[in-house]
Amino acid sequence: MTERAWQRMLSGRRLDLLDPSPLDVEIEDIAHGLAFVARWNGQTQGDWPYSVAEHSLLVDDLYHELYPKAPVRWRLAALLHDAPEYVIGDMISPVKAAVGPGYRAMDVRLTAAIHLRFGLPPAIPQTIKAQIKRADKISAWAEAVRIAGFTKEEANRLFGAPRHKPADAIRIDLRAPSVVKQAFLERFAQHMAAM
């Protein structure tokens, strides 16, 4: 008997994790999944878990602040930077390191399928990837200090101190998954309409 390597999505699509097809990727599935996946393994303060969807919205905002003249397609890439986690979950960095290259390979395949589905190149240019990573690290720093119990010194060491504006000015939202899902879908629709 062969092990199952696919996930049934709420849309009815069957997403093959080993060979994902862009035709099986739906934004509603991504938004729903990311709104229910907790960052920091749920080890955050607040009445709601801090979701990957909320993080993705913040990374998009930060990317836009850092690179206001960037084409909207790269904002879409920033919004979707963690999109594979809608089906494979959000593993903290120490777990990713322990799992090894298999996780990374699956993430790359899913990212390519997601990007193709929404008109992005399967792999974005390294310069854009580095810019999005910069916004991602600023978001991680703010999350770590504001809601995940890290000291500023720990966060500075792990993520680098934010330099583009005072760190305390970075807003961290904690909202119900249904609200975050809707906000993610609205942002996605704005980007798609502007492309």
N, C-alpha and C. Protein backbone atom coordinates (compact mmCIF):
# COMPACT_ATOMS: atom_id res chain seq x y z
N MET A 1 0.84 -1.19 0.00
CA MET A 1 0.00 0.00 0.00
C MET A 1 0.88 1.25 0.00
N THR A 2 0.60 2.18 -0.89
CA THR A 2 1.36 3.42 -1.01
C THR A 2 0.85 4.43 0.02
N GLU A 3 1.80 5.12 0.63
CA GLU A 3 1.43 6.17 1.58
C GLU A 3 0.77 7.33 0.84
N ARG A 4 -0.25 7.90 1.44
CA ARG A 4 -0.94 9.05 0.84
C ARG A 4 -0.05 10.28 0.97
N ALA A 5 0.15 10.99 -0.15
CA ALA A 5 0.97 12.20 -0.15
C ALA A 5 0.16 13.39 -0.65
N TRP A 6 -1.12 13.39 -0.43
CA TRP A 6 -1.96 14.50 -0.85
C TRP A 6 -2.86 14.93 0.29
N GLN A 7 -3.35 16.13 0.18
CA GLN A 7 -4.24 16.72 1.18
C GLN A 7 -5.52 17.17 0.49
N ARG A 8 -6.66 16.78 1.03
CA ARG A 8 -7.95 17.27 0.53
C ARG A 8 -8.16 18.66 1.11
N MET A 9 -8.43 19.62 0.24
CA MET A 9 -8.62 21.00 0.66
C MET A 9 -10.12 21.26 0.79
N LEU A 10 -10.49 22.31 1.50
CA LEU A 10 -11.91 22.64 1.68
C LEU A 10 -12.59 22.97 0.37
N SER A 11 -11.83 23.43 -0.61
CA SER A 11 -12.39 23.73 -1.93
C SER A 11 -12.77 22.46 -2.69
N GLY A 12 -12.32 21.31 -2.18
CA GLY A 12 -12.53 20.06 -2.87
C GLY A 12 -11.31 19.62 -3.66
N ARG A 13 -10.35 20.51 -3.82
CA ARG A 13 -9.12 20.16 -4.53
C ARG A 13 -8.33 19.13 -3.74
N ARG A 14 -7.59 18.32 -4.47
CA ARG A 14 -6.68 17.34 -3.85
C ARG A 14 -5.27 17.77 -4.21
N LEU A 15 -4.55 18.31 -3.25
CA LEU A 15 -3.21 18.85 -3.49
C LEU A 15 -2.16 17.79 -3.21
N ASP A 16 -1.42 17.41 -4.24
CA ASP A 16 -0.33 16.44 -4.13
C ASP A 16 0.89 17.17 -3.57
N LEU A 17 1.34 16.77 -2.41
CA LEU A 17 2.47 17.46 -1.76
C LEU A 17 3.79 17.17 -2.45
N LEU A 18 3.91 16.03 -3.11
CA LEU A 18 5.16 15.67 -3.76
C LEU A 18 5.26 16.22 -5.18
N ASP A 19 4.12 16.44 -5.82
CA ASP A 19 4.08 16.97 -7.18
C ASP A 19 2.89 17.92 -7.30
N PRO A 20 2.95 19.06 -6.63
CA PRO A 20 1.79 19.97 -6.61
C PRO A 20 1.55 20.62 -7.96
N SER A 21 0.29 20.68 -8.34
CA SER A 21 -0.10 21.32 -9.59
C SER A 21 -0.69 22.69 -9.29
N PRO A 22 -0.32 23.71 -10.06
CA PRO A 22 -0.95 25.02 -9.88
C PRO A 22 -2.48 24.96 -10.02
N LEU A 23 -2.97 23.99 -10.77
CA LEU A 23 -4.42 23.86 -10.97
C LEU A 23 -5.15 23.44 -9.69
N ASP A 24 -4.42 22.91 -8.73
CA ASP A 24 -5.03 22.49 -7.46
C ASP A 24 -4.84 23.51 -6.35
N VAL A 25 -4.35 24.69 -6.69
CA VAL A 25 -4.11 25.75 -5.71
C VAL A 25 -5.25 26.76 -5.80
N GLU A 26 -5.90 27.02 -4.67
CA GLU A 26 -6.98 28.01 -4.60
C GLU A 26 -6.67 29.01 -3.49
N ILE A 27 -6.87 30.28 -3.75
CA ILE A 27 -6.54 31.31 -2.76
C ILE A 27 -7.40 31.17 -1.51
N GLU A 28 -8.64 30.72 -1.64
CA GLU A 28 -9.49 30.54 -0.46
C GLU A 28 -8.91 29.47 0.48
N ASP A 29 -8.34 28.40 -0.10
CA ASP A 29 -7.70 27.37 0.72
C ASP A 29 -6.47 27.93 1.43
N ILE A 30 -5.69 28.72 0.70
CA ILE A 30 -4.49 29.32 1.30
C ILE A 30 -4.89 30.24 2.44
N ALA A 31 -5.83 31.15 2.19
CA ALA A 31 -6.24 32.12 3.22
C ALA A 31 -6.80 31.41 4.44
N HIS A 32 -7.63 30.39 4.21
CA HIS A 32 -8.21 29.65 5.33
C HIS A 32 -7.13 28.94 6.14
N GLY A 33 -6.28 28.21 5.44
CA GLY A 33 -5.23 27.47 6.13
C GLY A 33 -4.30 28.38 6.92
N LEU A 34 -3.83 29.45 6.28
CA LEU A 34 -2.89 30.35 6.96
C LEU A 34 -3.53 31.07 8.14
N ALA A 35 -4.83 31.34 8.06
CA ALA A 35 -5.53 32.00 9.17
C ALA A 35 -5.64 31.10 10.40
N PHE A 36 -5.53 29.79 10.19
CA PHE A 36 -5.64 28.85 11.30
C PHE A 36 -4.31 28.24 11.73
N VAL A 37 -3.21 28.60 11.05
CA VAL A 37 -1.89 28.10 11.43
C VAL A 37 -1.23 29.13 12.34
N ALA A 38 -0.88 28.72 13.54
CA ALA A 38 -0.27 29.62 14.52
C ALA A 38 1.23 29.71 14.31
N ARG A 39 1.74 30.93 14.33
CA ARG A 39 3.20 31.12 14.35
C ARG A 39 3.72 30.87 15.76
N TRP A 40 5.00 30.65 15.85
CA TRP A 40 5.67 30.44 17.13
C TRP A 40 5.09 29.23 17.87
N ASN A 41 4.58 28.26 17.11
CA ASN A 41 3.94 27.07 17.69
C ASN A 41 2.87 27.43 18.71
N GLY A 42 2.24 28.58 18.51
CA GLY A 42 1.16 29.01 19.40
C GLY A 42 1.65 29.60 20.71
N GLN A 43 2.97 29.73 20.88
CA GLN A 43 3.52 30.25 22.12
C GLN A 43 3.58 31.78 22.09
N THR A 44 2.39 32.38 22.02
CA THR A 44 2.28 33.83 21.98
C THR A 44 1.22 34.30 22.96
N GLN A 45 1.37 35.54 23.39
CA GLN A 45 0.39 36.15 24.29
C GLN A 45 -0.81 36.63 23.50
N GLY A 46 -1.94 36.73 24.17
CA GLY A 46 -3.12 37.29 23.53
C GLY A 46 -4.28 36.32 23.53
N ASP A 47 -5.43 36.85 23.15
CA ASP A 47 -6.65 36.05 23.14
C ASP A 47 -6.78 35.17 21.91
N TRP A 48 -6.02 35.49 20.85
CA TRP A 48 -6.03 34.70 19.63
C TRP A 48 -4.60 34.28 19.30
N PRO A 49 -4.43 33.15 18.67
CA PRO A 49 -3.08 32.82 18.18
C PRO A 49 -2.68 33.82 17.10
N TYR A 50 -1.39 34.07 17.00
CA TYR A 50 -0.89 34.93 15.94
C TYR A 50 -0.69 34.06 14.71
N SER A 51 -1.50 34.25 13.71
CA SER A 51 -1.52 33.34 12.57
C SER A 51 -0.50 33.72 11.49
N VAL A 52 -0.21 32.74 10.65
CA VAL A 52 0.67 32.96 9.50
C VAL A 52 0.02 33.97 8.55
N ALA A 53 -1.30 33.97 8.44
CA ALA A 53 -1.98 34.96 7.59
C ALA A 53 -1.74 36.37 8.11
N GLU A 54 -1.85 36.55 9.43
CA GLU A 54 -1.61 37.87 10.02
C GLU A 54 -0.15 38.29 9.78
N HIS A 55 0.77 37.36 9.98
CA HIS A 55 2.19 37.61 9.72
C HIS A 55 2.40 38.01 8.26
N SER A 56 1.74 37.31 7.35
CA SER A 56 1.90 37.59 5.92
C SER A 56 1.43 38.99 5.56
N LEU A 57 0.34 39.42 6.18
CA LEU A 57 -0.15 40.79 5.97
C LEU A 57 0.87 41.81 6.47
N LEU A 58 1.46 41.53 7.63
CA LEU A 58 2.46 42.44 8.17
C LEU A 58 3.71 42.48 7.28
N VAL A 59 4.15 41.33 6.79
CA VAL A 59 5.32 41.31 5.90
C VAL A 59 5.03 42.11 4.64
N ASP A 60 3.83 41.98 4.09
CA ASP A 60 3.46 42.76 2.91
C ASP A 60 3.51 44.26 3.23
N ASP A 61 2.97 44.65 4.38
CA ASP A 61 3.00 46.07 4.78
C ASP A 61 4.44 46.57 4.93
N LEU A 62 5.26 45.78 5.61
CA LEU A 62 6.66 46.18 5.82
C LEU A 62 7.42 46.24 4.50
N TYR A 63 7.18 45.28 3.62
CA TYR A 63 7.83 45.29 2.32
C TYR A 63 7.47 46.57 1.56
N HIS A 64 6.20 46.94 1.62
CA HIS A 64 5.75 48.16 0.94
C HIS A 64 6.39 49.41 1.55
N GLU A 65 6.54 49.44 2.86
CA GLU A 65 7.20 50.57 3.52
C GLU A 65 8.67 50.66 3.12
N LEU A 66 9.33 49.51 3.06
CA LEU A 66 10.76 49.47 2.73
C LEU A 66 11.02 49.75 1.25
N TYR A 67 10.12 49.27 0.39
CA TYR A 67 10.32 49.37 -1.07
C TYR A 67 9.04 49.90 -1.73
N PRO A 68 8.70 51.16 -1.47
CA PRO A 68 7.41 51.69 -1.94
C PRO A 68 7.25 51.72 -3.46
N LYS A 69 8.34 51.68 -4.19
CA LYS A 69 8.25 51.73 -5.66
C LYS A 69 8.29 50.34 -6.29
N ALA A 70 8.32 49.31 -5.47
CA ALA A 70 8.37 47.94 -6.01
C ALA A 70 7.08 47.63 -6.75
N PRO A 71 7.18 46.90 -7.86
CA PRO A 71 5.97 46.50 -8.58
C PRO A 71 5.04 45.68 -7.69
N VAL A 72 3.75 45.76 -7.95
CA VAL A 72 2.75 45.08 -7.13
C VAL A 72 2.95 43.56 -7.14
N ARG A 73 3.52 43.02 -8.20
CA ARG A 73 3.71 41.56 -8.22
C ARG A 73 4.66 41.11 -7.13
N TRP A 74 5.62 42.00 -6.75
CA TRP A 74 6.52 41.60 -5.66
C TRP A 74 5.84 41.78 -4.30
N ARG A 75 4.86 42.68 -4.23
CA ARG A 75 4.05 42.75 -3.00
C ARG A 75 3.22 41.47 -2.88
N LEU A 76 2.70 40.99 -4.01
CA LEU A 76 1.97 39.72 -3.99
C LEU A 76 2.90 38.60 -3.52
N ALA A 77 4.13 38.60 -4.01
CA ALA A 77 5.10 37.59 -3.57
C ALA A 77 5.36 37.70 -2.07
N ALA A 78 5.41 38.94 -1.56
CA ALA A 78 5.60 39.13 -0.11
C ALA A 78 4.41 38.57 0.66
N LEU A 79 3.20 38.86 0.18
CA LEU A 79 2.00 38.35 0.84
C LEU A 79 1.99 36.82 0.85
N LEU A 80 2.48 36.22 -0.23
CA LEU A 80 2.45 34.75 -0.37
C LEU A 80 3.74 34.07 0.08
N HIS A 81 4.64 34.81 0.74
CA HIS A 81 5.96 34.26 1.04
C HIS A 81 5.92 33.00 1.91
N ASP A 82 4.92 32.84 2.74
CA ASP A 82 4.77 31.64 3.57
C ASP A 82 3.56 30.80 3.14
N ALA A 83 3.05 31.03 1.95
CA ALA A 83 1.83 30.35 1.51
C ALA A 83 1.90 28.83 1.60
N PRO A 84 3.03 28.16 1.33
CA PRO A 84 3.04 26.70 1.45
C PRO A 84 2.62 26.20 2.84
N GLU A 85 2.74 27.05 3.83
CA GLU A 85 2.40 26.64 5.19
C GLU A 85 0.90 26.38 5.37
N TYR A 86 0.10 26.78 4.38
CA TYR A 86 -1.34 26.47 4.46
C TYR A 86 -1.59 24.98 4.45
N VAL A 87 -0.65 24.22 3.94
CA VAL A 87 -0.81 22.78 3.88
C VAL A 87 0.27 22.02 4.66
N ILE A 88 1.46 22.60 4.82
CA ILE A 88 2.52 21.88 5.54
C ILE A 88 2.77 22.45 6.94
N GLY A 89 2.05 23.51 7.30
CA GLY A 89 2.19 24.08 8.63
C GLY A 89 3.41 24.96 8.77
N ASP A 90 3.50 25.63 9.89
CA ASP A 90 4.61 26.53 10.19
C ASP A 90 5.52 25.84 11.19
N MET A 91 6.66 25.42 10.73
CA MET A 91 7.63 24.82 11.65
C MET A 91 8.61 25.90 12.09
N ILE A 92 8.91 25.91 13.39
CA ILE A 92 9.90 26.85 13.87
C ILE A 92 11.26 26.42 13.32
N SER A 93 12.18 27.38 13.20
CA SER A 93 13.48 27.13 12.57
C SER A 93 14.23 25.93 13.14
N PRO A 94 14.24 25.72 14.47
CA PRO A 94 14.96 24.55 14.98
C PRO A 94 14.39 23.22 14.46
N VAL A 95 13.07 23.16 14.27
CA VAL A 95 12.46 21.92 13.74
C VAL A 95 12.83 21.76 12.27
N LYS A 96 12.79 22.85 11.49
CA LYS A 96 13.17 22.78 10.08
C LYS A 96 14.59 22.25 9.94
N ALA A 97 15.49 22.72 10.80
CA ALA A 97 16.88 22.27 10.75
C ALA A 97 16.98 20.78 11.07
N ALA A 98 16.18 20.33 12.03
CA ALA A 98 16.21 18.91 12.41
C ALA A 98 15.61 18.01 11.33
N VAL A 99 14.57 18.50 10.65
CA VAL A 99 13.92 17.70 9.60
C VAL A 99 14.85 17.55 8.40
N GLY A 100 15.59 18.61 8.08
CA GLY A 100 16.56 18.52 7.00
C GLY A 100 16.04 19.00 5.66
N PRO A 101 16.73 18.60 4.58
CA PRO A 101 16.44 19.15 3.25
C PRO A 101 15.08 18.73 2.68
N GLY A 102 14.46 17.69 3.18
CA GLY A 102 13.16 17.26 2.66
C GLY A 102 12.09 18.32 2.82
N TYR A 103 12.08 19.00 3.96
CA TYR A 103 11.11 20.07 4.19
C TYR A 103 11.34 21.20 3.20
N ARG A 104 12.57 21.58 3.01
CA ARG A 104 12.91 22.67 2.10
C ARG A 104 12.49 22.33 0.66
N ALA A 105 12.73 21.11 0.25
CA ALA A 105 12.37 20.69 -1.12
C ALA A 105 10.85 20.76 -1.32
N MET A 106 10.09 20.32 -0.32
CA MET A 106 8.64 20.37 -0.41
C MET A 106 8.17 21.83 -0.47
N ASP A 107 8.76 22.67 0.34
CA ASP A 107 8.42 24.09 0.35
C ASP A 107 8.69 24.73 -1.01
N VAL A 108 9.80 24.39 -1.63
CA VAL A 108 10.15 24.94 -2.95
C VAL A 108 9.14 24.50 -4.00
N ARG A 109 8.75 23.23 -3.99
CA ARG A 109 7.77 22.73 -4.97
C ARG A 109 6.40 23.41 -4.79
N LEU A 110 5.97 23.53 -3.54
CA LEU A 110 4.68 24.18 -3.29
C LEU A 110 4.71 25.66 -3.66
N THR A 111 5.81 26.32 -3.34
CA THR A 111 5.95 27.74 -3.69
C THR A 111 5.86 27.93 -5.20
N ALA A 112 6.54 27.07 -5.95
CA ALA A 112 6.51 27.18 -7.42
C ALA A 112 5.08 27.02 -7.94
N ALA A 113 4.35 26.04 -7.43
CA ALA A 113 2.97 25.82 -7.87
C ALA A 113 2.09 27.02 -7.53
N ILE A 114 2.25 27.55 -6.33
CA ILE A 114 1.46 28.72 -5.89
C ILE A 114 1.79 29.93 -6.77
N HIS A 115 3.07 30.16 -6.99
CA HIS A 115 3.47 31.30 -7.81
C HIS A 115 2.92 31.19 -9.23
N LEU A 116 3.05 30.02 -9.82
CA LEU A 116 2.53 29.84 -11.19
C LEU A 116 1.02 30.07 -11.24
N ARG A 117 0.32 29.61 -10.22
CA ARG A 117 -1.14 29.76 -10.18
C ARG A 117 -1.57 31.22 -10.24
N PHE A 118 -0.75 32.10 -9.62
CA PHE A 118 -1.14 33.50 -9.51
C PHE A 118 -0.27 34.45 -10.33
N GLY A 119 0.40 33.91 -11.35
CA GLY A 119 1.10 34.75 -12.31
C GLY A 119 2.47 35.23 -11.91
N LEU A 120 3.07 34.61 -10.92
CA LEU A 120 4.43 34.95 -10.52
C LEU A 120 5.39 33.91 -11.09
N PRO A 121 6.67 34.26 -11.22
CA PRO A 121 7.62 33.24 -11.66
C PRO A 121 7.77 32.16 -10.58
N PRO A 122 8.06 30.92 -10.98
CA PRO A 122 8.16 29.83 -9.99
C PRO A 122 9.15 30.15 -8.87
N ALA A 123 10.26 30.76 -9.24
CA ALA A 123 11.24 31.22 -8.25
C ALA A 123 11.46 32.71 -8.50
N ILE A 124 11.31 33.50 -7.47
CA ILE A 124 11.48 34.94 -7.65
C ILE A 124 12.96 35.29 -7.64
N PRO A 125 13.34 36.41 -8.25
CA PRO A 125 14.75 36.80 -8.28
C PRO A 125 15.34 36.92 -6.87
N GLN A 126 16.61 36.59 -6.74
CA GLN A 126 17.28 36.61 -5.43
C GLN A 126 17.22 37.99 -4.78
N THR A 127 17.32 39.06 -5.57
CA THR A 127 17.26 40.40 -4.98
C THR A 127 15.90 40.65 -4.33
N ILE A 128 14.84 40.22 -4.98
CA ILE A 128 13.49 40.39 -4.43
C ILE A 128 13.32 39.49 -3.22
N LYS A 129 13.81 38.26 -3.32
CA LYS A 129 13.73 37.32 -2.20
C LYS A 129 14.42 37.91 -0.97
N ALA A 130 15.59 38.53 -1.17
CA ALA A 130 16.32 39.15 -0.06
C ALA A 130 15.54 40.32 0.53
N GLN A 131 14.88 41.10 -0.32
CA GLN A 131 14.07 42.22 0.18
C GLN A 131 12.90 41.71 1.02
N ILE A 132 12.23 40.67 0.54
CA ILE A 132 11.12 40.09 1.29
C ILE A 132 11.63 39.50 2.60
N LYS A 133 12.79 38.86 2.56
CA LYS A 133 13.38 38.29 3.78
C LYS A 133 13.68 39.39 4.79
N ARG A 134 14.09 40.55 4.32
CA ARG A 134 14.34 41.68 5.23
C ARG A 134 13.05 42.05 5.96
N ALA A 135 11.95 42.18 5.21
CA ALA A 135 10.66 42.49 5.83
C ALA A 135 10.22 41.37 6.77
N ASP A 136 10.48 40.14 6.38
CA ASP A 136 10.13 38.97 7.19
C ASP A 136 10.89 38.99 8.52
N LYS A 137 12.15 39.34 8.49
CA LYS A 137 12.95 39.39 9.72
C LYS A 137 12.49 40.52 10.64
N ILE A 138 12.11 41.65 10.06
CA ILE A 138 11.59 42.75 10.88
C ILE A 138 10.30 42.30 11.56
N SER A 139 9.44 41.63 10.81
CA SER A 139 8.20 41.11 11.38
C SER A 139 8.50 40.11 12.50
N ALA A 140 9.44 39.20 12.25
CA ALA A 140 9.79 38.21 13.27
C ALA A 140 10.32 38.89 14.53
N TRP A 141 11.12 39.93 14.36
CA TRP A 141 11.65 40.66 15.52
C TRP A 141 10.51 41.24 16.34
N ALA A 142 9.59 41.92 15.67
CA ALA A 142 8.47 42.56 16.38
C ALA A 142 7.60 41.52 17.07
N GLU A 143 7.31 40.43 16.38
CA GLU A 143 6.51 39.36 16.96
C GLU A 143 7.21 38.76 18.18
N ALA A 144 8.51 38.51 18.03
CA ALA A 144 9.28 37.89 19.12
C ALA A 144 9.22 38.74 20.39
N VAL A 145 9.43 40.04 20.22
CA VAL A 145 9.49 40.95 21.37
C VAL A 145 8.11 41.28 21.91
N ARG A 146 7.15 41.51 21.02
CA ARG A 146 5.85 41.99 21.46
C ARG A 146 4.93 40.90 21.98
N ILE A 147 5.00 39.68 21.39
CA ILE A 147 4.02 38.67 21.79
C ILE A 147 4.60 37.29 22.10
N ALA A 148 5.90 37.06 21.79
CA ALA A 148 6.44 35.71 21.98
C ALA A 148 7.43 35.60 23.14
N GLY A 149 7.57 36.64 23.94
CA GLY A 149 8.34 36.55 25.17
C GLY A 149 9.85 36.69 25.03
N PHE A 150 10.36 37.10 23.88
CA PHE A 150 11.79 37.29 23.70
C PHE A 150 12.20 38.65 24.26
N THR A 151 13.42 38.74 24.74
CA THR A 151 13.96 40.05 25.08
C THR A 151 14.42 40.72 23.79
N LYS A 152 14.60 42.03 23.84
CA LYS A 152 15.10 42.75 22.66
C LYS A 152 16.49 42.25 22.27
N GLU A 153 17.30 41.93 23.27
CA GLU A 153 18.65 41.44 22.99
C GLU A 153 18.61 40.11 22.24
N GLU A 154 17.73 39.20 22.68
CA GLU A 154 17.59 37.91 21.99
C GLU A 154 17.12 38.13 20.55
N ALA A 155 16.11 38.97 20.40
CA ALA A 155 15.57 39.23 19.07
C ALA A 155 16.61 39.89 18.16
N ASN A 156 17.38 40.83 18.72
CA ASN A 156 18.44 41.47 17.93
C ASN A 156 19.45 40.44 17.43
N ARG A 157 19.80 39.52 18.30
CA ARG A 157 20.78 38.48 17.95
C ARG A 157 20.24 37.53 16.89
N LEU A 158 18.97 37.15 17.00
CA LEU A 158 18.39 36.17 16.09
C LEU A 158 17.90 36.76 14.77
N PHE A 159 17.35 37.98 14.81
CA PHE A 159 16.69 38.53 13.64
C PHE A 159 17.28 39.86 13.16
N GLY A 160 18.13 40.46 13.97
CA GLY A 160 18.64 41.79 13.64
C GLY A 160 17.64 42.85 14.06
N ALA A 161 18.13 43.95 14.59
CA ALA A 161 17.24 45.02 15.05
C ALA A 161 16.64 45.76 13.86
N PRO A 162 15.32 46.04 13.91
CA PRO A 162 14.72 46.83 12.82
C PRO A 162 15.34 48.22 12.78
N ARG A 163 15.62 48.69 11.57
CA ARG A 163 16.25 50.00 11.43
C ARG A 163 15.41 50.98 10.63
N HIS A 164 14.34 50.53 10.01
CA HIS A 164 13.61 51.42 9.10
C HIS A 164 12.67 52.37 9.84
N LYS A 165 12.28 52.01 11.06
CA LYS A 165 11.46 52.89 11.89
C LYS A 165 11.52 52.35 13.31
N PRO A 166 11.09 53.12 14.30
CA PRO A 166 11.13 52.59 15.67
C PRO A 166 10.37 51.27 15.79
N ALA A 167 11.00 50.30 16.41
CA ALA A 167 10.40 48.97 16.52
C ALA A 167 9.04 49.00 17.21
N ASP A 168 8.88 49.91 18.16
CA ASP A 168 7.61 49.99 18.87
C ASP A 168 6.47 50.47 17.98
N ALA A 169 6.80 51.03 16.82
CA ALA A 169 5.77 51.50 15.89
C ALA A 169 5.22 50.38 15.02
N ILE A 170 5.83 49.20 15.09
CA ILE A 170 5.35 48.07 14.29
C ILE A 170 4.16 47.46 15.01
N ARG A 171 3.04 47.45 14.34
CA ARG A 171 1.79 46.99 14.95
C ARG A 171 1.64 45.48 14.78
N ILE A 172 1.28 44.82 15.86
CA ILE A 172 1.01 43.38 15.85
C ILE A 172 -0.48 43.20 16.12
N ASP A 173 -1.19 42.63 15.16
CA ASP A 173 -2.62 42.39 15.31
C ASP A 173 -2.87 40.95 15.74
N LEU A 174 -3.82 40.78 16.63
CA LEU A 174 -4.31 39.45 17.01
C LEU A 174 -5.81 39.47 16.78
N ARG A 175 -6.24 38.73 15.76
CA ARG A 175 -7.66 38.76 15.40
C ARG A 175 -8.16 37.34 15.20
N ALA A 176 -9.46 37.19 15.24
CA ALA A 176 -10.09 35.89 15.02
C ALA A 176 -9.71 35.38 13.62
N PRO A 177 -9.53 34.06 13.48
CA PRO A 177 -9.15 33.51 12.17
C PRO A 177 -10.07 33.93 11.03
N SER A 178 -11.37 34.00 11.27
CA SER A 178 -12.28 34.39 10.18
C SER A 178 -12.03 35.82 9.73
N VAL A 179 -11.67 36.71 10.65
CA VAL A 179 -11.38 38.11 10.32
C VAL A 179 -10.07 38.21 9.54
N VAL A 180 -9.07 37.46 9.99
CA VAL A 180 -7.76 37.48 9.32
C VAL A 180 -7.88 36.89 7.92
N LYS A 181 -8.63 35.81 7.80
CA LYS A 181 -8.85 35.20 6.49
C LYS A 181 -9.43 36.21 5.52
N GLN A 182 -10.44 36.94 5.94
CA GLN A 182 -11.07 37.93 5.08
C GLN A 182 -10.10 39.05 4.71
N ALA A 183 -9.30 39.51 5.68
CA ALA A 183 -8.32 40.56 5.41
C ALA A 183 -7.28 40.07 4.39
N PHE A 184 -6.86 38.81 4.52
CA PHE A 184 -5.89 38.24 3.59
C PHE A 184 -6.49 38.17 2.19
N LEU A 185 -7.73 37.71 2.07
CA LEU A 185 -8.38 37.61 0.76
C LEU A 185 -8.56 38.99 0.13
N GLU A 186 -8.89 39.99 0.93
CA GLU A 186 -9.06 41.34 0.40
C GLU A 186 -7.74 41.90 -0.11
N ARG A 187 -6.66 41.68 0.66
CA ARG A 187 -5.34 42.16 0.22
C ARG A 187 -4.92 41.46 -1.07
N PHE A 188 -5.14 40.15 -1.12
CA PHE A 188 -4.81 39.40 -2.34
C PHE A 188 -5.58 39.96 -3.54
N ALA A 189 -6.86 40.23 -3.37
CA ALA A 189 -7.70 40.75 -4.45
C ALA A 189 -7.19 42.12 -4.90
N GLN A 190 -6.77 42.96 -3.96
CA GLN A 190 -6.22 44.27 -4.31
C GLN A 190 -4.98 44.12 -5.17
N HIS A 191 -4.09 43.23 -4.77
CA HIS A 191 -2.85 43.03 -5.53
C HIS A 191 -3.15 42.47 -6.93
N MET A 192 -4.04 41.50 -7.00
CA MET A 192 -4.35 40.89 -8.31
C MET A 192 -4.99 41.93 -9.24
N ALA A 193 -5.85 42.78 -8.69
CA ALA A 193 -6.51 43.80 -9.51
C ALA A 193 -5.51 44.84 -10.03
N ALA A 194 -4.43 45.05 -9.27
CA ALA A 194 -3.43 46.05 -9.65
C ALA A 194 -2.34 45.49 -10.57
N MET A 195 -2.34 44.20 -10.79
CA MET A 195 -1.28 43.61 -11.63
C MET A 195 -1.62 43.73 -13.11
